[in-house]
Amino acid sequence: MARQYEVGGDYFIEKILAAVFVGFKTVSNPTSVTVHPDLMKQIREKFRNKVVGPKLVDDVEVFCGLRVVEDATKAPDHISVS
């Protein structure tokens, strides 16, 4: 029984997870992830059918266990944990 793995050259998923994990390490008691809406669209697309992907829980979007806040006033590649 062979396993198939998706291997991409842009490391998008790894960069997003690294940013979130650094936020977990630097912020005590994190409560939310702030993301630009365009970046969140890419995250939803790339993380589709992944265990750590964004999920809807009681009408609230959750990513890596934190509530997602979409802020269009930030830079197009902005992601932060607060």
PDB file of N, CA and C in Angstrom:
ATOM      1  N   MET A   1       0.839  -1.165   0.000  1.00  0.00           N
ATOM      2  CA  MET A   1       0.000   0.000   0.000  1.00  0.00           C
ATOM      3  C   MET A   1       0.896   1.244   0.000  1.00  0.00           C
ATOM      4  N   ALA A   2       0.840   1.996  -1.076  1.00  0.00           N
ATOM      5  CA  ALA A   2       1.685   3.179  -1.229  1.00  0.00           C
ATOM      6  C   ALA A   2       0.962   4.420  -0.726  1.00  0.00           C
ATOM      7  N   ARG A   3       1.735   5.351  -0.214  1.00  0.00           N
ATOM      8  CA  ARG A   3       1.186   6.631   0.232  1.00  0.00           C
ATOM      9  C   ARG A   3       1.610   7.712  -0.741  1.00  0.00           C
ATOM     10  N   GLN A   4       0.724   8.655  -0.963  1.00  0.00           N
ATOM     11  CA  GLN A   4       1.047   9.771  -1.833  1.00  0.00           C
ATOM     12  C   GLN A   4       1.116  11.038  -0.997  1.00  0.00           C
ATOM     13  N   TYR A   5       2.117  11.857  -1.272  1.00  0.00           N
ATOM     14  CA  TYR A   5       2.297  13.113  -0.571  1.00  0.00           C
ATOM     15  C   TYR A   5       2.340  14.247  -1.576  1.00  0.00           C
ATOM     16  N   GLU A   6       1.711  15.373  -1.216  1.00  0.00           N
ATOM     17  CA  GLU A   6       1.795  16.558  -2.058  1.00  0.00           C
ATOM     18  C   GLU A   6       3.067  17.301  -1.690  1.00  0.00           C
ATOM     19  N   VAL A   7       3.908  17.529  -2.660  1.00  0.00           N
ATOM     20  CA  VAL A   7       5.139  18.267  -2.429  1.00  0.00           C
ATOM     21  C   VAL A   7       5.135  19.458  -3.367  1.00  0.00           C
ATOM     22  N   GLY A   8       5.151  20.637  -2.791  1.00  0.00           N
ATOM     23  CA  GLY A   8       5.157  21.856  -3.593  1.00  0.00           C
ATOM     24  C   GLY A   8       6.497  22.557  -3.476  1.00  0.00           C
ATOM     25  N   GLY A   9       6.758  23.438  -4.392  1.00  0.00           N
ATOM     26  CA  GLY A   9       8.028  24.138  -4.383  1.00  0.00           C
ATOM     27  C   GLY A   9       7.985  25.480  -3.691  1.00  0.00           C
ATOM     28  N   ASP A  10       6.776  25.982  -3.371  1.00  0.00           N
ATOM     29  CA  ASP A  10       6.702  27.321  -2.799  1.00  0.00           C
ATOM     30  C   ASP A  10       6.683  27.333  -1.270  1.00  0.00           C
ATOM     31  N   TYR A  11       6.483  26.196  -0.628  1.00  0.00           N
ATOM     32  CA  TYR A  11       6.478  26.066   0.833  1.00  0.00           C
ATOM     33  C   TYR A  11       5.447  26.979   1.494  1.00  0.00           C
ATOM     34  N   PHE A  12       4.317  27.227   0.845  1.00  0.00           N
ATOM     35  CA  PHE A  12       3.290  28.129   1.382  1.00  0.00           C
ATOM     36  C   PHE A  12       2.763  27.630   2.721  1.00  0.00           C
ATOM     37  N   ILE A  13       2.401  26.370   2.779  1.00  0.00           N
ATOM     38  CA  ILE A  13       1.838  25.812   4.013  1.00  0.00           C
ATOM     39  C   ILE A  13       2.850  25.895   5.152  1.00  0.00           C
ATOM     40  N   GLU A  14       4.103  25.572   4.867  1.00  0.00           N
ATOM     41  CA  GLU A  14       5.135  25.606   5.891  1.00  0.00           C
ATOM     42  C   GLU A  14       5.354  27.018   6.414  1.00  0.00           C
ATOM     43  N   LYS A  15       5.326  28.011   5.523  1.00  0.00           N
ATOM     44  CA  LYS A  15       5.523  29.406   5.938  1.00  0.00           C
ATOM     45  C   LYS A  15       4.378  29.878   6.821  1.00  0.00           C
ATOM     46  N   ILE A  16       3.153  29.521   6.469  1.00  0.00           N
ATOM     47  CA  ILE A  16       1.992  29.931   7.264  1.00  0.00           C
ATOM     48  C   ILE A  16       2.046  29.286   8.647  1.00  0.00           C
ATOM     49  N   LEU A  17       2.312  27.990   8.699  1.00  0.00           N
ATOM     50  CA  LEU A  17       2.382  27.304   9.994  1.00  0.00           C
ATOM     51  C   LEU A  17       3.530  27.837  10.841  1.00  0.00           C
ATOM     52  N   ALA A  18       4.668  28.147  10.215  1.00  0.00           N
ATOM     53  CA  ALA A  18       5.797  28.709  10.957  1.00  0.00           C
ATOM     54  C   ALA A  18       5.422  30.056  11.567  1.00  0.00           C
ATOM     55  N   ALA A  19       4.728  30.898  10.817  1.00  0.00           N
ATOM     56  CA  ALA A  19       4.309  32.205  11.341  1.00  0.00           C
ATOM     57  C   ALA A  19       3.365  32.040  12.528  1.00  0.00           C
ATOM     58  N   VAL A  20       2.438  31.107  12.429  1.00  0.00           N
ATOM     59  CA  VAL A  20       1.493  30.879  13.530  1.00  0.00           C
ATOM     60  C   VAL A  20       2.218  30.305  14.744  1.00  0.00           C
ATOM     61  N   PHE A  21       3.133  29.377  14.539  1.00  0.00           N
ATOM     62  CA  PHE A  21       3.857  28.784  15.666  1.00  0.00           C
ATOM     63  C   PHE A  21       4.753  29.804  16.357  1.00  0.00           C
ATOM     64  N   VAL A  22       5.376  30.701  15.604  1.00  0.00           N
ATOM     65  CA  VAL A  22       6.172  31.773  16.213  1.00  0.00           C
ATOM     66  C   VAL A  22       5.260  32.667  17.046  1.00  0.00           C
ATOM     67  N   GLY A  23       4.067  32.936  16.536  1.00  0.00           N
ATOM     68  CA  GLY A  23       3.105  33.722  17.302  1.00  0.00           C
ATOM     69  C   GLY A  23       2.703  33.038  18.595  1.00  0.00           C
ATOM     70  N   PHE A  24       2.507  31.716  18.553  1.00  0.00           N
ATOM     71  CA  PHE A  24       2.187  30.962  19.766  1.00  0.00           C
ATOM     72  C   PHE A  24       3.317  31.088  20.781  1.00  0.00           C
ATOM     73  N   LYS A  25       4.553  31.092  20.293  1.00  0.00           N
ATOM     74  CA  LYS A  25       5.705  31.131  21.190  1.00  0.00           C
ATOM     75  C   LYS A  25       5.897  32.514  21.811  1.00  0.00           C
ATOM     76  N   THR A  26       5.623  33.563  21.051  1.00  0.00           N
ATOM     77  CA  THR A  26       5.918  34.914  21.528  1.00  0.00           C
ATOM     78  C   THR A  26       4.762  35.581  22.272  1.00  0.00           C
ATOM     79  N   VAL A  27       3.536  35.143  22.054  1.00  0.00           N
ATOM     80  CA  VAL A  27       2.369  35.763  22.690  1.00  0.00           C
ATOM     81  C   VAL A  27       1.874  34.858  23.813  1.00  0.00           C
ATOM     82  N   SER A  28       1.748  35.441  25.003  1.00  0.00           N
ATOM     83  CA  SER A  28       1.179  34.644  26.091  1.00  0.00           C
ATOM     84  C   SER A  28      -0.341  34.734  26.003  1.00  0.00           C
ATOM     85  N   ASN A  29      -0.993  33.617  26.131  1.00  0.00           N
ATOM     86  CA  ASN A  29      -2.455  33.502  26.023  1.00  0.00           C
ATOM     87  C   ASN A  29      -2.993  34.030  24.695  1.00  0.00           C
ATOM     88  N   PRO A  30      -2.587  33.450  23.579  1.00  0.00           N
ATOM     89  CA  PRO A  30      -3.107  33.909  22.278  1.00  0.00           C
ATOM     90  C   PRO A  30      -4.603  33.616  22.158  1.00  0.00           C
ATOM     91  N   THR A  31      -5.325  34.543  21.497  1.00  0.00           N
ATOM     92  CA  THR A  31      -6.770  34.380  21.364  1.00  0.00           C
ATOM     93  C   THR A  31      -7.244  34.416  19.924  1.00  0.00           C
ATOM     94  N   SER A  32      -6.451  35.009  19.009  1.00  0.00           N
ATOM     95  CA  SER A  32      -6.927  35.124  17.632  1.00  0.00           C
ATOM     96  C   SER A  32      -5.764  35.195  16.650  1.00  0.00           C
ATOM     97  N   VAL A  33      -6.091  34.913  15.404  1.00  0.00           N
ATOM     98  CA  VAL A  33      -5.153  35.060  14.290  1.00  0.00           C
ATOM     99  C   VAL A  33      -5.721  36.152  13.390  1.00  0.00           C
ATOM    100  N   THR A  34      -4.930  37.205  13.153  1.00  0.00           N
ATOM    101  CA  THR A  34      -5.356  38.287  12.271  1.00  0.00           C
ATOM    102  C   THR A  34      -4.726  38.062  10.909  1.00  0.00           C
ATOM    103  N   VAL A  35      -5.562  38.029   9.878  1.00  0.00           N
ATOM    104  CA  VAL A  35      -5.105  37.682   8.530  1.00  0.00           C
ATOM    105  C   VAL A  35      -5.766  38.618   7.526  1.00  0.00           C
ATOM    106  N   HIS A  36      -5.023  38.991   6.478  1.00  0.00           N
ATOM    107  CA  HIS A  36      -5.616  39.751   5.379  1.00  0.00           C
ATOM    108  C   HIS A  36      -6.590  38.830   4.643  1.00  0.00           C
ATOM    109  N   PRO A  37      -7.746  39.331   4.196  1.00  0.00           N
ATOM    110  CA  PRO A  37      -8.747  38.471   3.541  1.00  0.00           C
ATOM    111  C   PRO A  37      -8.224  37.714   2.314  1.00  0.00           C
ATOM    112  N   ASP A  38      -7.358  38.344   1.510  1.00  0.00           N
ATOM    113  CA  ASP A  38      -6.816  37.651   0.337  1.00  0.00           C
ATOM    114  C   ASP A  38      -5.917  36.487   0.748  1.00  0.00           C
ATOM    115  N   LEU A  39      -5.123  36.696   1.793  1.00  0.00           N
ATOM    116  CA  LEU A  39      -4.269  35.619   2.289  1.00  0.00           C
ATOM    117  C   LEU A  39      -5.120  34.498   2.880  1.00  0.00           C
ATOM    118  N   MET A  40      -6.216  34.856   3.532  1.00  0.00           N
ATOM    119  CA  MET A  40      -7.099  33.834   4.104  1.00  0.00           C
ATOM    120  C   MET A  40      -7.732  32.992   3.011  1.00  0.00           C
ATOM    121  N   LYS A  41      -8.041  33.590   1.870  1.00  0.00           N
ATOM    122  CA  LYS A  41      -8.570  32.822   0.738  1.00  0.00           C
ATOM    123  C   LYS A  41      -7.547  31.791   0.277  1.00  0.00           C
ATOM    124  N   GLN A  42      -6.272  32.200   0.196  1.00  0.00           N
ATOM    125  CA  GLN A  42      -5.209  31.268  -0.195  1.00  0.00           C
ATOM    126  C   GLN A  42      -5.058  30.165   0.839  1.00  0.00           C
ATOM    127  N   ILE A  43      -5.143  30.527   2.113  1.00  0.00           N
ATOM    128  CA  ILE A  43      -5.018  29.528   3.177  1.00  0.00           C
ATOM    129  C   ILE A  43      -6.151  28.513   3.076  1.00  0.00           C
ATOM    130  N   ARG A  44      -7.377  28.983   2.871  1.00  0.00           N
ATOM    131  CA  ARG A  44      -8.515  28.059   2.733  1.00  0.00           C
ATOM    132  C   ARG A  44      -8.311  27.115   1.556  1.00  0.00           C
ATOM    133  N   GLU A  45      -7.792  27.644   0.458  1.00  0.00           N
ATOM    134  CA  GLU A  45      -7.580  26.824  -0.741  1.00  0.00           C
ATOM    135  C   GLU A  45      -6.473  25.793  -0.528  1.00  0.00           C
ATOM    136  N   LYS A  46      -5.340  26.221   0.016  1.00  0.00           N
ATOM    137  CA  LYS A  46      -4.183  25.328   0.179  1.00  0.00           C
ATOM    138  C   LYS A  46      -4.379  24.316   1.308  1.00  0.00           C
ATOM    139  N   PHE A  47      -5.108  24.704   2.357  1.00  0.00           N
ATOM    140  CA  PHE A  47      -5.288  23.829   3.510  1.00  0.00           C
ATOM    141  C   PHE A  47      -6.555  22.992   3.410  1.00  0.00           C
ATOM    142  N   ARG A  48      -7.231  23.046   2.265  1.00  0.00           N
ATOM    143  CA  ARG A  48      -8.466  22.270   2.091  1.00  0.00           C
ATOM    144  C   ARG A  48      -8.162  20.788   2.326  1.00  0.00           C
ATOM    145  N   ASN A  49      -9.022  20.132   3.095  1.00  0.00           N
ATOM    146  CA  ASN A  49      -8.899  18.703   3.422  1.00  0.00           C
ATOM    147  C   ASN A  49      -7.644  18.379   4.226  1.00  0.00           C
ATOM    148  N   LYS A  50      -7.131  19.348   4.966  1.00  0.00           N
ATOM    149  CA  LYS A  50      -5.995  19.113   5.861  1.00  0.00           C
ATOM    150  C   LYS A  50      -6.509  19.182   7.303  1.00  0.00           C
ATOM    151  N   VAL A  51      -5.870  18.458   8.185  1.00  0.00           N
ATOM    152  CA  VAL A  51      -6.292  18.422   9.584  1.00  0.00           C
ATOM    153  C   VAL A  51      -6.169  19.802  10.227  1.00  0.00           C
ATOM    154  N   VAL A  52      -5.113  20.539   9.917  1.00  0.00           N
ATOM    155  CA  VAL A  52      -4.880  21.838  10.551  1.00  0.00           C
ATOM    156  C   VAL A  52      -5.532  22.991   9.804  1.00  0.00           C
ATOM    157  N   GLY A  53      -6.305  22.707   8.790  1.00  0.00           N
ATOM    158  CA  GLY A  53      -6.945  23.752   7.998  1.00  0.00           C
ATOM    159  C   GLY A  53      -8.006  24.511   8.778  1.00  0.00           C
ATOM    160  N   PRO A  54      -8.423  25.665   8.263  1.00  0.00           N
ATOM    161  CA  PRO A  54      -9.474  26.453   8.918  1.00  0.00           C
ATOM    162  C   PRO A  54     -10.791  25.676   8.981  1.00  0.00           C
ATOM    163  N   LYS A  55     -11.465  25.776  10.109  1.00  0.00           N
ATOM    164  CA  LYS A  55     -12.735  25.079  10.321  1.00  0.00           C
ATOM    165  C   LYS A  55     -13.775  26.074  10.824  1.00  0.00           C
ATOM    166  N   LEU A  56     -15.042  25.798  10.564  1.00  0.00           N
ATOM    167  CA  LEU A  56     -16.142  26.588  11.121  1.00  0.00           C
ATOM    168  C   LEU A  56     -16.666  25.888  12.369  1.00  0.00           C
ATOM    169  N   VAL A  57     -16.668  26.611  13.491  1.00  0.00           N
ATOM    170  CA  VAL A  57     -17.166  26.088  14.754  1.00  0.00           C
ATOM    171  C   VAL A  57     -18.175  27.098  15.288  1.00  0.00           C
ATOM    172  N   ASP A  58     -19.441  26.725  15.289  1.00  0.00           N
ATOM    173  CA  ASP A  58     -20.509  27.618  15.768  1.00  0.00           C
ATOM    174  C   ASP A  58     -20.449  28.988  15.101  1.00  0.00           C
ATOM    175  N   ASP A  59     -20.392  29.020  13.791  1.00  0.00           N
ATOM    176  CA  ASP A  59     -20.359  30.256  12.999  1.00  0.00           C
ATOM    177  C   ASP A  59     -19.116  31.106  13.227  1.00  0.00           C
ATOM    178  N   VAL A  60     -18.068  30.542  13.793  1.00  0.00           N
ATOM    179  CA  VAL A  60     -16.799  31.238  13.988  1.00  0.00           C
ATOM    180  C   VAL A  60     -15.726  30.429  13.278  1.00  0.00           C
ATOM    181  N   GLU A  61     -14.927  31.091  12.448  1.00  0.00           N
ATOM    182  CA  GLU A  61     -13.848  30.386  11.755  1.00  0.00           C
ATOM    183  C   GLU A  61     -12.655  30.262  12.689  1.00  0.00           C
ATOM    184  N   VAL A  62     -12.111  29.054  12.770  1.00  0.00           N
ATOM    185  CA  VAL A  62     -10.997  28.756  13.662  1.00  0.00           C
ATOM    186  C   VAL A  62      -9.850  28.196  12.833  1.00  0.00           C
ATOM    187  N   PHE A  63      -8.634  28.701  13.084  1.00  0.00           N
ATOM    188  CA  PHE A  63      -7.435  28.222  12.395  1.00  0.00           C
ATOM    189  C   PHE A  63      -6.363  27.976  13.443  1.00  0.00           C
ATOM    190  N   CYS A  64      -5.849  26.773  13.495  1.00  0.00           N
ATOM    191  CA  CYS A  64      -4.852  26.356  14.495  1.00  0.00           C
ATOM    192  C   CYS A  64      -5.362  26.590  15.917  1.00  0.00           C
ATOM    193  N   GLY A  65      -6.657  26.410  16.125  1.00  0.00           N
ATOM    194  CA  GLY A  65      -7.237  26.550  17.448  1.00  0.00           C
ATOM    195  C   GLY A  65      -7.541  27.976  17.864  1.00  0.00           C
ATOM    196  N   LEU A  66      -7.316  28.944  16.988  1.00  0.00           N
ATOM    197  CA  LEU A  66      -7.560  30.349  17.311  1.00  0.00           C
ATOM    198  C   LEU A  66      -8.619  30.933  16.385  1.00  0.00           C
ATOM    199  N   ARG A  67      -9.398  31.874  16.907  1.00  0.00           N
ATOM    200  CA  ARG A  67     -10.423  32.562  16.121  1.00  0.00           C
ATOM    201  C   ARG A  67      -9.752  33.401  15.034  1.00  0.00           C
ATOM    202  N   VAL A  68     -10.306  33.382  13.827  1.00  0.00           N
ATOM    203  CA  VAL A  68      -9.756  34.128  12.694  1.00  0.00           C
ATOM    204  C   VAL A  68     -10.404  35.505  12.631  1.00  0.00           C
ATOM    205  N   VAL A  69      -9.545  36.538  12.535  1.00  0.00           N
ATOM    206  CA  VAL A  69     -10.002  37.910  12.339  1.00  0.00           C
ATOM    207  C   VAL A  69      -9.438  38.366  11.000  1.00  0.00           C
ATOM    208  N   GLU A  70     -10.320  38.661  10.048  1.00  0.00           N
ATOM    209  CA  GLU A  70      -9.875  39.138   8.736  1.00  0.00           C
ATOM    210  C   GLU A  70      -9.852  40.661   8.759  1.00  0.00           C
ATOM    211  N   ASP A  71      -8.679  41.248   8.455  1.00  0.00           N
ATOM    212  CA  ASP A  71      -8.495  42.697   8.499  1.00  0.00           C
ATOM    213  C   ASP A  71      -7.931  43.169   7.168  1.00  0.00           C
ATOM    214  N   ALA A  72      -8.755  43.847   6.377  1.00  0.00           N
ATOM    215  CA  ALA A  72      -8.343  44.292   5.041  1.00  0.00           C
ATOM    216  C   ALA A  72      -7.415  45.494   5.086  1.00  0.00           C
ATOM    217  N   THR A  73      -7.248  46.132   6.252  1.00  0.00           N
ATOM    218  CA  THR A  73      -6.370  47.300   6.337  1.00  0.00           C
ATOM    219  C   THR A  73      -4.903  46.910   6.447  1.00  0.00           C
ATOM    220  N   LYS A  74      -4.622  45.657   6.692  1.00  0.00           N
ATOM    221  CA  LYS A  74      -3.241  45.177   6.820  1.00  0.00           C
ATOM    222  C   LYS A  74      -2.649  44.886   5.446  1.00  0.00           C
ATOM    223  N   ALA A  75      -1.354  44.607   5.407  1.00  0.00           N
ATOM    224  CA  ALA A  75      -0.664  44.274   4.156  1.00  0.00           C
ATOM    225  C   ALA A  75      -1.227  42.969   3.593  1.00  0.00           C
ATOM    226  N   PRO A  76      -1.151  42.780   2.262  1.00  0.00           N
ATOM    227  CA  PRO A  76      -1.734  41.578   1.639  1.00  0.00           C
ATOM    228  C   PRO A  76      -1.153  40.251   2.135  1.00  0.00           C
ATOM    229  N   ASP A  77       0.052  40.271   2.707  1.00  0.00           N
ATOM    230  CA  ASP A  77       0.656  39.033   3.204  1.00  0.00           C
ATOM    231  C   ASP A  77       0.697  38.998   4.735  1.00  0.00           C
ATOM    232  N   HIS A  78      -0.162  39.783   5.383  1.00  0.00           N
ATOM    233  CA  HIS A  78      -0.143  39.914   6.845  1.00  0.00           C
ATOM    234  C   HIS A  78      -0.820  38.727   7.523  1.00  0.00           C
ATOM    235  N   ILE A  79      -0.111  38.175   8.523  1.00  0.00           N
ATOM    236  CA  ILE A  79      -0.686  37.175   9.424  1.00  0.00           C
ATOM    237  C   ILE A  79      -0.015  37.370  10.775  1.00  0.00           C
ATOM    238  N   SER A  80      -0.814  37.429  11.825  1.00  0.00           N
ATOM    239  CA  SER A  80      -0.255  37.610  13.163  1.00  0.00           C
ATOM    240  C   SER A  80      -1.150  36.934  14.189  1.00  0.00           C
ATOM    241  N   VAL A  81      -0.538  36.576  15.300  1.00  0.00           N
ATOM    242  CA  VAL A  81      -1.250  35.951  16.415  1.00  0.00           C
ATOM    243  C   VAL A  81      -1.320  36.975  17.534  1.00  0.00           C
ATOM    244  N   SER A  82      -2.500  37.155  18.077  1.00  0.00           N
ATOM    245  CA  SER A  82      -2.638  38.105  19.194  1.00  0.00           C
ATOM    246  C   SER A  82      -3.562  37.537  20.257  1.00  0.00           C
TER     247      SER A  82
END
